[in-house]
Amino acid sequence: MDNAIATQSPAFATPDAPPELDDGEALTKLDPAYKTALRISTAISAIPFCIGALVLEGALAGASPLPYGVLIGLTVFVALALIIRLPGRRWAARGYHMSADRLRVVRGIFWHSDTVVPFGRVQHIDVDQGPIERALGISTLTLHTAGSHNASVLLPGLRHDLAVEMREEIRERIKRDSL
């Protein structure tokens, strides 16, 4: 198994220049629609915090030394900053490389993860789509492997047709290797 670390951290890569692997091959970037999916998910996650700030602001009306709207404004500002900035960074920090005998998935901004899945360990493969992914035409490829540690490796943000094509190609390679 190849445990080499990428020479350039994907977290600081520019979208135009994907990071390179130790063997000189570039990681394949995810579909740009994945950034939109991440933004929508982040916005949905921010709604309860904004509502909570609104409720707290109303409950503290008159009792708080801060003017009305400061807590709400600060919460909305942080939410917007996360919605605008974080998805692009997460997208830039992800990539994959599929070779003849394995799939390598790289991800992480603060905690960098470089996972190599040998096709010989794959038990089954899923292509999943949630409602946001389906609307954007992207999917998540999930490889389930033998063992218990990291038994499932997810590769989100693939065009749906590419995810299906990769699943079938991996399935064929596993079938060929088992003969």
N, C-alpha and C. Protein backbone atom coordinates (compact mmCIF):
# COMPACT_ATOMS: atom_id res chain seq x y z
N MET A 1 0.84 -1.17 0.00
CA MET A 1 0.00 0.00 0.00
C MET A 1 0.89 1.23 0.00
N ASP A 2 0.52 2.25 -0.78
CA ASP A 2 1.28 3.48 -0.90
C ASP A 2 0.83 4.46 0.17
N ASN A 3 1.71 4.78 1.12
CA ASN A 3 1.38 5.71 2.18
C ASN A 3 2.06 7.06 1.99
N ALA A 4 2.46 7.38 0.79
CA ALA A 4 3.17 8.63 0.52
C ALA A 4 2.25 9.82 0.74
N ILE A 5 2.82 10.90 1.18
CA ILE A 5 2.07 12.12 1.40
C ILE A 5 2.24 13.01 0.17
N ALA A 6 1.17 13.73 -0.18
CA ALA A 6 1.23 14.63 -1.34
C ALA A 6 2.30 15.69 -1.10
N THR A 7 3.00 16.06 -2.16
CA THR A 7 4.10 17.03 -2.02
C THR A 7 3.59 18.43 -1.79
N GLN A 8 2.40 18.74 -2.25
CA GLN A 8 1.82 20.05 -2.04
C GLN A 8 0.50 19.85 -1.34
N SER A 9 0.27 20.51 -0.23
CA SER A 9 -0.97 20.34 0.52
C SER A 9 -2.14 20.86 -0.29
N PRO A 10 -3.19 20.04 -0.48
CA PRO A 10 -4.34 20.48 -1.25
C PRO A 10 -5.07 21.65 -0.59
N ALA A 11 -4.90 21.84 0.72
CA ALA A 11 -5.59 22.92 1.40
C ALA A 11 -5.14 24.29 0.89
N PHE A 12 -3.93 24.38 0.36
CA PHE A 12 -3.42 25.65 -0.10
C PHE A 12 -3.27 25.70 -1.62
N ALA A 13 -3.82 24.71 -2.29
CA ALA A 13 -3.72 24.66 -3.75
C ALA A 13 -4.71 25.65 -4.37
N THR A 14 -4.36 26.18 -5.50
CA THR A 14 -5.29 27.02 -6.22
C THR A 14 -6.15 26.12 -7.09
N PRO A 15 -7.40 26.53 -7.36
CA PRO A 15 -8.27 25.69 -8.18
C PRO A 15 -7.71 25.40 -9.56
N ASP A 16 -6.86 26.28 -10.09
CA ASP A 16 -6.30 26.07 -11.43
C ASP A 16 -5.14 25.10 -11.44
N ALA A 17 -4.50 24.89 -10.29
CA ALA A 17 -3.34 24.02 -10.22
C ALA A 17 -3.54 22.96 -9.14
N PRO A 18 -4.10 21.81 -9.53
CA PRO A 18 -4.33 20.77 -8.54
C PRO A 18 -3.01 20.27 -7.96
N PRO A 19 -3.04 19.83 -6.69
CA PRO A 19 -1.81 19.34 -6.07
C PRO A 19 -1.29 18.12 -6.80
N GLU A 20 0.01 17.89 -6.66
CA GLU A 20 0.63 16.75 -7.31
C GLU A 20 0.91 15.64 -6.30
N LEU A 21 0.90 14.42 -6.79
CA LEU A 21 1.27 13.27 -5.98
C LEU A 21 2.78 13.11 -6.05
N ASP A 22 3.33 12.27 -5.19
CA ASP A 22 4.77 12.05 -5.18
C ASP A 22 5.28 11.50 -6.51
N ASP A 23 4.45 10.77 -7.22
CA ASP A 23 4.89 10.21 -8.50
C ASP A 23 4.70 11.20 -9.65
N GLY A 24 4.37 12.47 -9.35
CA GLY A 24 4.26 13.50 -10.36
C GLY A 24 2.90 13.62 -11.00
N GLU A 25 1.98 12.74 -10.67
CA GLU A 25 0.65 12.80 -11.26
C GLU A 25 -0.24 13.72 -10.42
N ALA A 26 -1.01 14.55 -11.07
CA ALA A 26 -1.88 15.50 -10.38
C ALA A 26 -3.15 14.80 -9.89
N LEU A 27 -3.65 15.29 -8.75
CA LEU A 27 -4.93 14.81 -8.27
C LEU A 27 -6.02 15.38 -9.15
N THR A 28 -7.07 14.62 -9.35
CA THR A 28 -8.22 15.09 -10.10
C THR A 28 -9.11 15.86 -9.15
N LYS A 29 -9.49 17.06 -9.54
CA LYS A 29 -10.35 17.89 -8.71
C LYS A 29 -11.80 17.42 -8.82
N LEU A 30 -12.59 17.76 -7.82
CA LEU A 30 -14.00 17.43 -7.82
C LEU A 30 -14.77 18.41 -8.69
N ASP A 31 -16.00 18.06 -9.01
CA ASP A 31 -16.85 18.92 -9.83
C ASP A 31 -17.09 20.25 -9.11
N PRO A 32 -17.02 21.38 -9.80
CA PRO A 32 -17.27 22.68 -9.15
C PRO A 32 -18.66 22.80 -8.52
N ALA A 33 -19.62 22.02 -8.98
CA ALA A 33 -20.96 22.05 -8.38
C ALA A 33 -20.92 21.59 -6.93
N TYR A 34 -19.86 20.88 -6.54
CA TYR A 34 -19.72 20.46 -5.15
C TYR A 34 -19.58 21.66 -4.22
N LYS A 35 -18.95 22.75 -4.68
CA LYS A 35 -18.86 23.97 -3.88
C LYS A 35 -20.25 24.52 -3.60
N THR A 36 -21.11 24.50 -4.61
CA THR A 36 -22.48 24.98 -4.43
C THR A 36 -23.23 24.11 -3.44
N ALA A 37 -23.05 22.80 -3.53
CA ALA A 37 -23.71 21.88 -2.59
C ALA A 37 -23.23 22.15 -1.17
N LEU A 38 -21.92 22.38 -1.00
CA LEU A 38 -21.39 22.70 0.32
C LEU A 38 -21.94 24.02 0.83
N ARG A 39 -22.09 25.01 -0.04
CA ARG A 39 -22.64 26.31 0.37
C ARG A 39 -24.09 26.16 0.83
N ILE A 40 -24.87 25.39 0.10
CA ILE A 40 -26.27 25.19 0.47
C ILE A 40 -26.35 24.46 1.81
N SER A 41 -25.54 23.43 2.00
CA SER A 41 -25.54 22.68 3.26
C SER A 41 -25.11 23.57 4.42
N THR A 42 -24.10 24.41 4.20
CA THR A 42 -23.63 25.31 5.25
C THR A 42 -24.71 26.34 5.59
N ALA A 43 -25.40 26.84 4.58
CA ALA A 43 -26.49 27.80 4.83
C ALA A 43 -27.62 27.16 5.63
N ILE A 44 -27.97 25.95 5.29
CA ILE A 44 -29.01 25.24 6.04
C ILE A 44 -28.58 25.02 7.49
N SER A 45 -27.31 24.69 7.69
CA SER A 45 -26.79 24.49 9.05
C SER A 45 -26.75 25.79 9.84
N ALA A 46 -26.60 26.93 9.17
CA ALA A 46 -26.51 28.22 9.85
C ALA A 46 -27.87 28.75 10.28
N ILE A 47 -28.93 28.28 9.68
CA ILE A 47 -30.28 28.80 9.99
C ILE A 47 -30.62 28.67 11.48
N PRO A 48 -30.43 27.50 12.11
CA PRO A 48 -30.77 27.41 13.55
C PRO A 48 -29.98 28.40 14.42
N PHE A 49 -28.71 28.65 14.07
CA PHE A 49 -27.92 29.60 14.84
C PHE A 49 -28.46 31.02 14.70
N CYS A 50 -28.88 31.37 13.49
CA CYS A 50 -29.46 32.70 13.27
C CYS A 50 -30.79 32.84 14.00
N ILE A 51 -31.60 31.81 13.98
CA ILE A 51 -32.87 31.83 14.71
C ILE A 51 -32.60 31.91 16.21
N GLY A 52 -31.62 31.14 16.70
CA GLY A 52 -31.27 31.18 18.12
C GLY A 52 -30.79 32.56 18.54
N ALA A 53 -30.00 33.23 17.69
CA ALA A 53 -29.54 34.58 17.99
C ALA A 53 -30.70 35.56 18.03
N LEU A 54 -31.65 35.38 17.12
CA LEU A 54 -32.84 36.23 17.09
C LEU A 54 -33.66 36.05 18.36
N VAL A 55 -33.87 34.81 18.78
CA VAL A 55 -34.63 34.52 20.00
C VAL A 55 -33.90 35.08 21.22
N LEU A 56 -32.60 34.86 21.31
CA LEU A 56 -31.81 35.36 22.44
C LEU A 56 -31.82 36.89 22.48
N GLU A 57 -31.72 37.50 21.31
CA GLU A 57 -31.77 38.97 21.24
C GLU A 57 -33.11 39.48 21.74
N GLY A 58 -34.19 38.79 21.37
CA GLY A 58 -35.51 39.18 21.85
C GLY A 58 -35.68 38.97 23.34
N ALA A 59 -35.11 37.87 23.87
CA ALA A 59 -35.22 37.58 25.29
C ALA A 59 -34.41 38.56 26.13
N LEU A 60 -33.31 39.06 25.58
CA LEU A 60 -32.45 39.99 26.31
C LEU A 60 -32.81 41.46 26.05
N ALA A 61 -33.87 41.71 25.31
CA ALA A 61 -34.25 43.08 24.96
C ALA A 61 -34.38 43.92 26.23
N GLY A 62 -33.64 45.00 26.27
CA GLY A 62 -33.69 45.90 27.42
C GLY A 62 -32.75 45.51 28.54
N ALA A 63 -32.41 44.24 28.68
CA ALA A 63 -31.54 43.78 29.77
C ALA A 63 -30.07 43.69 29.33
N SER A 64 -29.82 43.76 28.06
CA SER A 64 -28.47 43.64 27.54
C SER A 64 -27.81 45.00 27.40
N PRO A 65 -26.50 45.07 27.74
CA PRO A 65 -25.80 46.35 27.55
C PRO A 65 -25.54 46.65 26.07
N LEU A 66 -25.69 45.65 25.21
CA LEU A 66 -25.46 45.83 23.78
C LEU A 66 -26.72 46.37 23.10
N PRO A 67 -26.56 47.19 22.08
CA PRO A 67 -27.74 47.65 21.33
C PRO A 67 -28.42 46.47 20.63
N TYR A 68 -29.72 46.61 20.43
CA TYR A 68 -30.48 45.55 19.76
C TYR A 68 -29.94 45.34 18.35
N GLY A 69 -29.73 44.08 17.97
CA GLY A 69 -29.28 43.73 16.63
C GLY A 69 -27.81 43.37 16.53
N VAL A 70 -27.03 43.67 17.57
CA VAL A 70 -25.60 43.36 17.51
C VAL A 70 -25.38 41.85 17.47
N LEU A 71 -26.06 41.11 18.32
CA LEU A 71 -25.91 39.65 18.37
C LEU A 71 -26.38 39.01 17.06
N ILE A 72 -27.51 39.48 16.56
CA ILE A 72 -28.04 38.96 15.30
C ILE A 72 -27.07 39.29 14.16
N GLY A 73 -26.61 40.54 14.12
CA GLY A 73 -25.69 40.96 13.06
C GLY A 73 -24.40 40.18 13.07
N LEU A 74 -23.85 39.95 14.27
CA LEU A 74 -22.61 39.20 14.38
C LEU A 74 -22.81 37.75 13.92
N THR A 75 -23.93 37.15 14.31
CA THR A 75 -24.22 35.76 13.92
C THR A 75 -24.39 35.65 12.40
N VAL A 76 -25.11 36.57 11.81
CA VAL A 76 -25.32 36.56 10.35
C VAL A 76 -23.99 36.80 9.63
N PHE A 77 -23.16 37.70 10.15
CA PHE A 77 -21.85 37.97 9.55
C PHE A 77 -20.98 36.71 9.55
N VAL A 78 -20.91 36.02 10.70
CA VAL A 78 -20.11 34.79 10.79
C VAL A 78 -20.68 33.73 9.84
N ALA A 79 -22.00 33.59 9.81
CA ALA A 79 -22.64 32.61 8.92
C ALA A 79 -22.30 32.90 7.46
N LEU A 80 -22.41 34.16 7.06
CA LEU A 80 -22.10 34.52 5.67
C LEU A 80 -20.63 34.27 5.35
N ALA A 81 -19.75 34.59 6.29
CA ALA A 81 -18.32 34.34 6.07
C ALA A 81 -18.07 32.85 5.86
N LEU A 82 -18.72 32.02 6.67
CA LEU A 82 -18.55 30.57 6.52
C LEU A 82 -19.16 30.06 5.22
N ILE A 83 -20.30 30.58 4.85
CA ILE A 83 -20.98 30.15 3.62
C ILE A 83 -20.17 30.53 2.38
N ILE A 84 -19.54 31.68 2.42
CA ILE A 84 -18.78 32.15 1.25
C ILE A 84 -17.39 31.53 1.19
N ARG A 85 -16.68 31.48 2.31
CA ARG A 85 -15.27 31.10 2.30
C ARG A 85 -15.00 29.60 2.47
N LEU A 86 -15.65 28.98 3.44
CA LEU A 86 -15.33 27.59 3.79
C LEU A 86 -15.57 26.58 2.66
N PRO A 87 -16.68 26.62 1.94
CA PRO A 87 -16.88 25.63 0.87
C PRO A 87 -15.80 25.65 -0.21
N GLY A 88 -15.33 26.82 -0.59
CA GLY A 88 -14.27 26.89 -1.59
C GLY A 88 -12.98 26.27 -1.09
N ARG A 89 -12.66 26.51 0.18
CA ARG A 89 -11.46 25.90 0.78
C ARG A 89 -11.61 24.39 0.87
N ARG A 90 -12.79 23.91 1.28
CA ARG A 90 -13.00 22.47 1.38
C ARG A 90 -12.92 21.81 0.00
N TRP A 91 -13.46 22.48 -1.02
CA TRP A 91 -13.38 21.94 -2.38
C TRP A 91 -11.93 21.87 -2.85
N ALA A 92 -11.16 22.93 -2.58
CA ALA A 92 -9.75 22.97 -3.00
C ALA A 92 -8.90 21.93 -2.26
N ALA A 93 -9.35 21.52 -1.08
CA ALA A 93 -8.57 20.58 -0.26
C ALA A 93 -8.88 19.13 -0.61
N ARG A 94 -9.75 18.90 -1.55
CA ARG A 94 -10.11 17.52 -1.92
C ARG A 94 -9.65 17.18 -3.32
N GLY A 95 -9.33 15.93 -3.50
CA GLY A 95 -8.97 15.44 -4.82
C GLY A 95 -8.83 13.93 -4.77
N TYR A 96 -8.68 13.33 -5.92
CA TYR A 96 -8.54 11.88 -5.98
C TYR A 96 -7.66 11.50 -7.17
N HIS A 97 -7.15 10.28 -7.10
CA HIS A 97 -6.38 9.72 -8.20
C HIS A 97 -6.70 8.24 -8.28
N MET A 98 -7.16 7.80 -9.43
CA MET A 98 -7.47 6.38 -9.62
C MET A 98 -6.42 5.78 -10.54
N SER A 99 -5.75 4.74 -10.04
CA SER A 99 -4.76 4.04 -10.84
C SER A 99 -5.31 2.65 -11.17
N ALA A 100 -4.49 1.80 -11.73
CA ALA A 100 -4.94 0.47 -12.16
C ALA A 100 -5.36 -0.42 -10.99
N ASP A 101 -4.78 -0.18 -9.81
CA ASP A 101 -5.07 -1.10 -8.70
C ASP A 101 -5.58 -0.44 -7.43
N ARG A 102 -5.77 0.89 -7.45
CA ARG A 102 -6.21 1.55 -6.21
C ARG A 102 -6.82 2.92 -6.50
N LEU A 103 -7.55 3.40 -5.49
CA LEU A 103 -8.12 4.75 -5.52
C LEU A 103 -7.53 5.51 -4.34
N ARG A 104 -7.02 6.68 -4.62
CA ARG A 104 -6.44 7.52 -3.57
C ARG A 104 -7.34 8.74 -3.40
N VAL A 105 -7.76 9.00 -2.15
CA VAL A 105 -8.63 10.12 -1.83
C VAL A 105 -7.90 11.02 -0.83
N VAL A 106 -7.75 12.29 -1.19
CA VAL A 106 -7.07 13.27 -0.34
C VAL A 106 -8.09 14.33 0.05
N ARG A 107 -8.11 14.68 1.36
CA ARG A 107 -9.03 15.70 1.84
C ARG A 107 -8.49 16.33 3.10
N GLY A 108 -9.09 17.44 3.48
CA GLY A 108 -8.79 18.06 4.75
C GLY A 108 -8.13 19.41 4.67
N ILE A 109 -8.65 20.35 5.46
CA ILE A 109 -8.07 21.68 5.57
C ILE A 109 -7.12 21.71 6.77
N PHE A 110 -7.64 21.41 7.95
CA PHE A 110 -6.82 21.40 9.16
C PHE A 110 -6.26 20.01 9.42
N TRP A 111 -7.10 19.00 9.32
CA TRP A 111 -6.67 17.61 9.50
C TRP A 111 -6.62 16.97 8.12
N HIS A 112 -5.42 16.83 7.61
CA HIS A 112 -5.19 16.29 6.27
C HIS A 112 -5.31 14.77 6.30
N SER A 113 -6.06 14.24 5.36
CA SER A 113 -6.25 12.79 5.25
C SER A 113 -5.88 12.36 3.84
N ASP A 114 -5.06 11.33 3.75
CA ASP A 114 -4.61 10.79 2.47
C ASP A 114 -4.87 9.29 2.52
N THR A 115 -5.98 8.85 1.93
CA THR A 115 -6.42 7.47 2.02
C THR A 115 -6.21 6.74 0.70
N VAL A 116 -5.61 5.57 0.77
CA VAL A 116 -5.41 4.73 -0.41
C VAL A 116 -6.23 3.47 -0.22
N VAL A 117 -7.10 3.17 -1.19
CA VAL A 117 -7.94 1.98 -1.12
C VAL A 117 -7.52 1.03 -2.23
N PRO A 118 -6.85 -0.08 -1.88
CA PRO A 118 -6.54 -1.08 -2.91
C PRO A 118 -7.84 -1.76 -3.36
N PHE A 119 -8.01 -1.93 -4.66
CA PHE A 119 -9.25 -2.51 -5.16
C PHE A 119 -9.47 -3.93 -4.65
N GLY A 120 -8.40 -4.63 -4.30
CA GLY A 120 -8.53 -5.99 -3.77
C GLY A 120 -9.24 -6.05 -2.43
N ARG A 121 -9.34 -4.92 -1.72
CA ARG A 121 -10.00 -4.89 -0.41
C ARG A 121 -11.45 -4.41 -0.50
N VAL A 122 -11.90 -3.99 -1.67
CA VAL A 122 -13.25 -3.44 -1.82
C VAL A 122 -14.28 -4.57 -1.79
N GLN A 123 -15.27 -4.43 -0.90
CA GLN A 123 -16.35 -5.40 -0.78
C GLN A 123 -17.53 -5.03 -1.68
N HIS A 124 -17.96 -3.77 -1.61
CA HIS A 124 -18.99 -3.29 -2.53
C HIS A 124 -18.87 -1.78 -2.68
N ILE A 125 -19.55 -1.24 -3.69
CA ILE A 125 -19.42 0.16 -4.06
C ILE A 125 -20.82 0.75 -4.22
N ASP A 126 -21.02 1.94 -3.64
CA ASP A 126 -22.29 2.64 -3.76
C ASP A 126 -22.09 3.96 -4.48
N VAL A 127 -23.13 4.39 -5.17
CA VAL A 127 -23.21 5.75 -5.71
C VAL A 127 -24.45 6.36 -5.08
N ASP A 128 -24.24 7.38 -4.24
CA ASP A 128 -25.34 7.99 -3.48
C ASP A 128 -25.58 9.42 -3.94
N GLN A 129 -26.86 9.84 -3.82
CA GLN A 129 -27.23 11.21 -4.11
C GLN A 129 -28.27 11.65 -3.09
N GLY A 130 -28.02 12.77 -2.43
CA GLY A 130 -29.04 13.40 -1.61
C GLY A 130 -29.83 14.35 -2.49
N PRO A 131 -30.83 15.01 -1.94
CA PRO A 131 -31.65 15.92 -2.77
C PRO A 131 -30.86 17.09 -3.35
N ILE A 132 -29.92 17.64 -2.57
CA ILE A 132 -29.11 18.75 -3.08
C ILE A 132 -28.19 18.25 -4.18
N GLU A 133 -27.55 17.11 -3.97
CA GLU A 133 -26.65 16.54 -4.98
C GLU A 133 -27.43 16.21 -6.26
N ARG A 134 -28.59 15.63 -6.10
CA ARG A 134 -29.40 15.26 -7.27
C ARG A 134 -29.75 16.51 -8.09
N ALA A 135 -30.12 17.59 -7.41
CA ALA A 135 -30.48 18.83 -8.11
C ALA A 135 -29.28 19.41 -8.86
N LEU A 136 -28.07 19.17 -8.34
CA LEU A 136 -26.87 19.71 -8.97
C LEU A 136 -26.17 18.72 -9.90
N GLY A 137 -26.69 17.49 -10.00
CA GLY A 137 -26.13 16.49 -10.90
C GLY A 137 -24.83 15.87 -10.43
N ILE A 138 -24.61 15.85 -9.11
CA ILE A 138 -23.39 15.25 -8.57
C ILE A 138 -23.75 14.09 -7.65
N SER A 139 -22.76 13.27 -7.32
CA SER A 139 -22.96 12.08 -6.49
C SER A 139 -21.78 11.87 -5.57
N THR A 140 -21.96 10.94 -4.64
CA THR A 140 -20.89 10.49 -3.76
C THR A 140 -20.61 9.03 -4.07
N LEU A 141 -19.35 8.71 -4.35
CA LEU A 141 -18.92 7.33 -4.57
C LEU A 141 -18.42 6.81 -3.23
N THR A 142 -18.98 5.70 -2.76
CA THR A 142 -18.58 5.12 -1.48
C THR A 142 -18.03 3.73 -1.73
N LEU A 143 -16.78 3.51 -1.29
CA LEU A 143 -16.15 2.19 -1.37
C LEU A 143 -16.16 1.58 0.02
N HIS A 144 -16.79 0.42 0.15
CA HIS A 144 -16.83 -0.31 1.42
C HIS A 144 -15.75 -1.38 1.35
N THR A 145 -14.87 -1.38 2.34
CA THR A 145 -13.74 -2.31 2.33
C THR A 145 -13.83 -3.33 3.44
N ALA A 146 -12.98 -4.35 3.35
CA ALA A 146 -12.87 -5.34 4.42
C ALA A 146 -12.19 -4.67 5.61
N GLY A 147 -12.53 -5.10 6.80
CA GLY A 147 -11.92 -4.53 8.00
C GLY A 147 -12.86 -3.58 8.68
N SER A 148 -12.45 -3.07 9.83
CA SER A 148 -13.32 -2.19 10.58
C SER A 148 -12.83 -0.74 10.58
N HIS A 149 -11.53 -0.49 10.55
CA HIS A 149 -11.01 0.87 10.57
C HIS A 149 -11.14 1.48 9.18
N ASN A 150 -11.82 2.63 9.09
CA ASN A 150 -12.06 3.29 7.80
C ASN A 150 -12.65 2.31 6.79
N ALA A 151 -13.67 1.56 7.21
CA ALA A 151 -14.25 0.54 6.35
C ALA A 151 -15.01 1.13 5.17
N SER A 152 -15.35 2.41 5.24
CA SER A 152 -16.02 3.07 4.12
C SER A 152 -15.24 4.33 3.77
N VAL A 153 -14.93 4.48 2.51
CA VAL A 153 -14.23 5.66 2.02
C VAL A 153 -15.17 6.39 1.07
N LEU A 154 -15.44 7.65 1.38
CA LEU A 154 -16.36 8.45 0.59
C LEU A 154 -15.60 9.41 -0.31
N LEU A 155 -16.08 9.52 -1.54
CA LEU A 155 -15.55 10.48 -2.49
C LEU A 155 -16.74 11.29 -3.03
N PRO A 156 -17.06 12.41 -2.35
CA PRO A 156 -18.20 13.23 -2.79
C PRO A 156 -17.81 14.17 -3.92
N GLY A 157 -18.83 14.77 -4.54
CA GLY A 157 -18.57 15.83 -5.50
C GLY A 157 -18.20 15.37 -6.90
N LEU A 158 -18.59 14.15 -7.25
CA LEU A 158 -18.33 13.67 -8.62
C LEU A 158 -19.58 13.87 -9.47
N ARG A 159 -19.39 14.22 -10.74
CA ARG A 159 -20.55 14.22 -11.64
C ARG A 159 -21.19 12.85 -11.57
N HIS A 160 -22.50 12.78 -11.63
CA HIS A 160 -23.18 11.50 -11.45
C HIS A 160 -22.73 10.46 -12.47
N ASP A 161 -22.64 10.85 -13.74
CA ASP A 161 -22.23 9.89 -14.75
C ASP A 161 -20.80 9.41 -14.52
N LEU A 162 -19.92 10.28 -14.02
CA LEU A 162 -18.55 9.88 -13.72
C LEU A 162 -18.52 8.91 -12.53
N ALA A 163 -19.33 9.16 -11.51
CA ALA A 163 -19.38 8.27 -10.35
C ALA A 163 -19.85 6.88 -10.76
N VAL A 164 -20.85 6.81 -11.62
CA VAL A 164 -21.34 5.51 -12.10
C VAL A 164 -20.27 4.83 -12.94
N GLU A 165 -19.60 5.60 -13.80
CA GLU A 165 -18.53 5.05 -14.63
C GLU A 165 -17.38 4.51 -13.77
N MET A 166 -16.99 5.27 -12.74
CA MET A 166 -15.92 4.82 -11.84
C MET A 166 -16.33 3.55 -11.10
N ARG A 167 -17.58 3.51 -10.64
CA ARG A 167 -18.07 2.31 -9.94
C ARG A 167 -17.97 1.08 -10.85
N GLU A 168 -18.39 1.22 -12.09
CA GLU A 168 -18.34 0.09 -13.01
C GLU A 168 -16.90 -0.30 -13.36
N GLU A 169 -16.04 0.68 -13.50
CA GLU A 169 -14.63 0.39 -13.81
C GLU A 169 -13.97 -0.34 -12.64
N ILE A 170 -14.21 0.11 -11.42
CA ILE A 170 -13.66 -0.57 -10.25
C ILE A 170 -14.22 -1.97 -10.12
N ARG A 171 -15.52 -2.10 -10.37
CA ARG A 171 -16.16 -3.43 -10.31
C ARG A 171 -15.54 -4.38 -11.32
N GLU A 172 -15.27 -3.89 -12.53
CA GLU A 172 -14.64 -4.73 -13.55
C GLU A 172 -13.21 -5.13 -13.16
N ARG A 173 -12.48 -4.20 -12.56
CA ARG A 173 -11.11 -4.51 -12.13
C ARG A 173 -11.12 -5.55 -11.02
N ILE A 174 -12.06 -5.44 -10.11
CA ILE A 174 -12.17 -6.42 -9.02
C ILE A 174 -12.53 -7.78 -9.60
N LYS A 175 -13.45 -7.80 -10.53
CA LYS A 175 -13.89 -9.04 -11.17
C LYS A 175 -12.72 -9.69 -11.92
N ARG A 176 -11.93 -8.89 -12.64
CA ARG A 176 -10.78 -9.39 -13.38
C ARG A 176 -9.71 -9.95 -12.44
N ASP A 177 -9.45 -9.25 -11.32
CA ASP A 177 -8.43 -9.66 -10.38
C ASP A 177 -8.82 -10.94 -9.63
N SER A 178 -10.12 -11.19 -9.46
CA SER A 178 -10.55 -12.35 -8.71
C SER A 178 -10.56 -13.62 -9.57
N LEU A 179 -10.42 -13.47 -10.86
CA LEU A 179 -10.42 -14.66 -11.75
C LEU A 179 -9.10 -15.37 -11.76
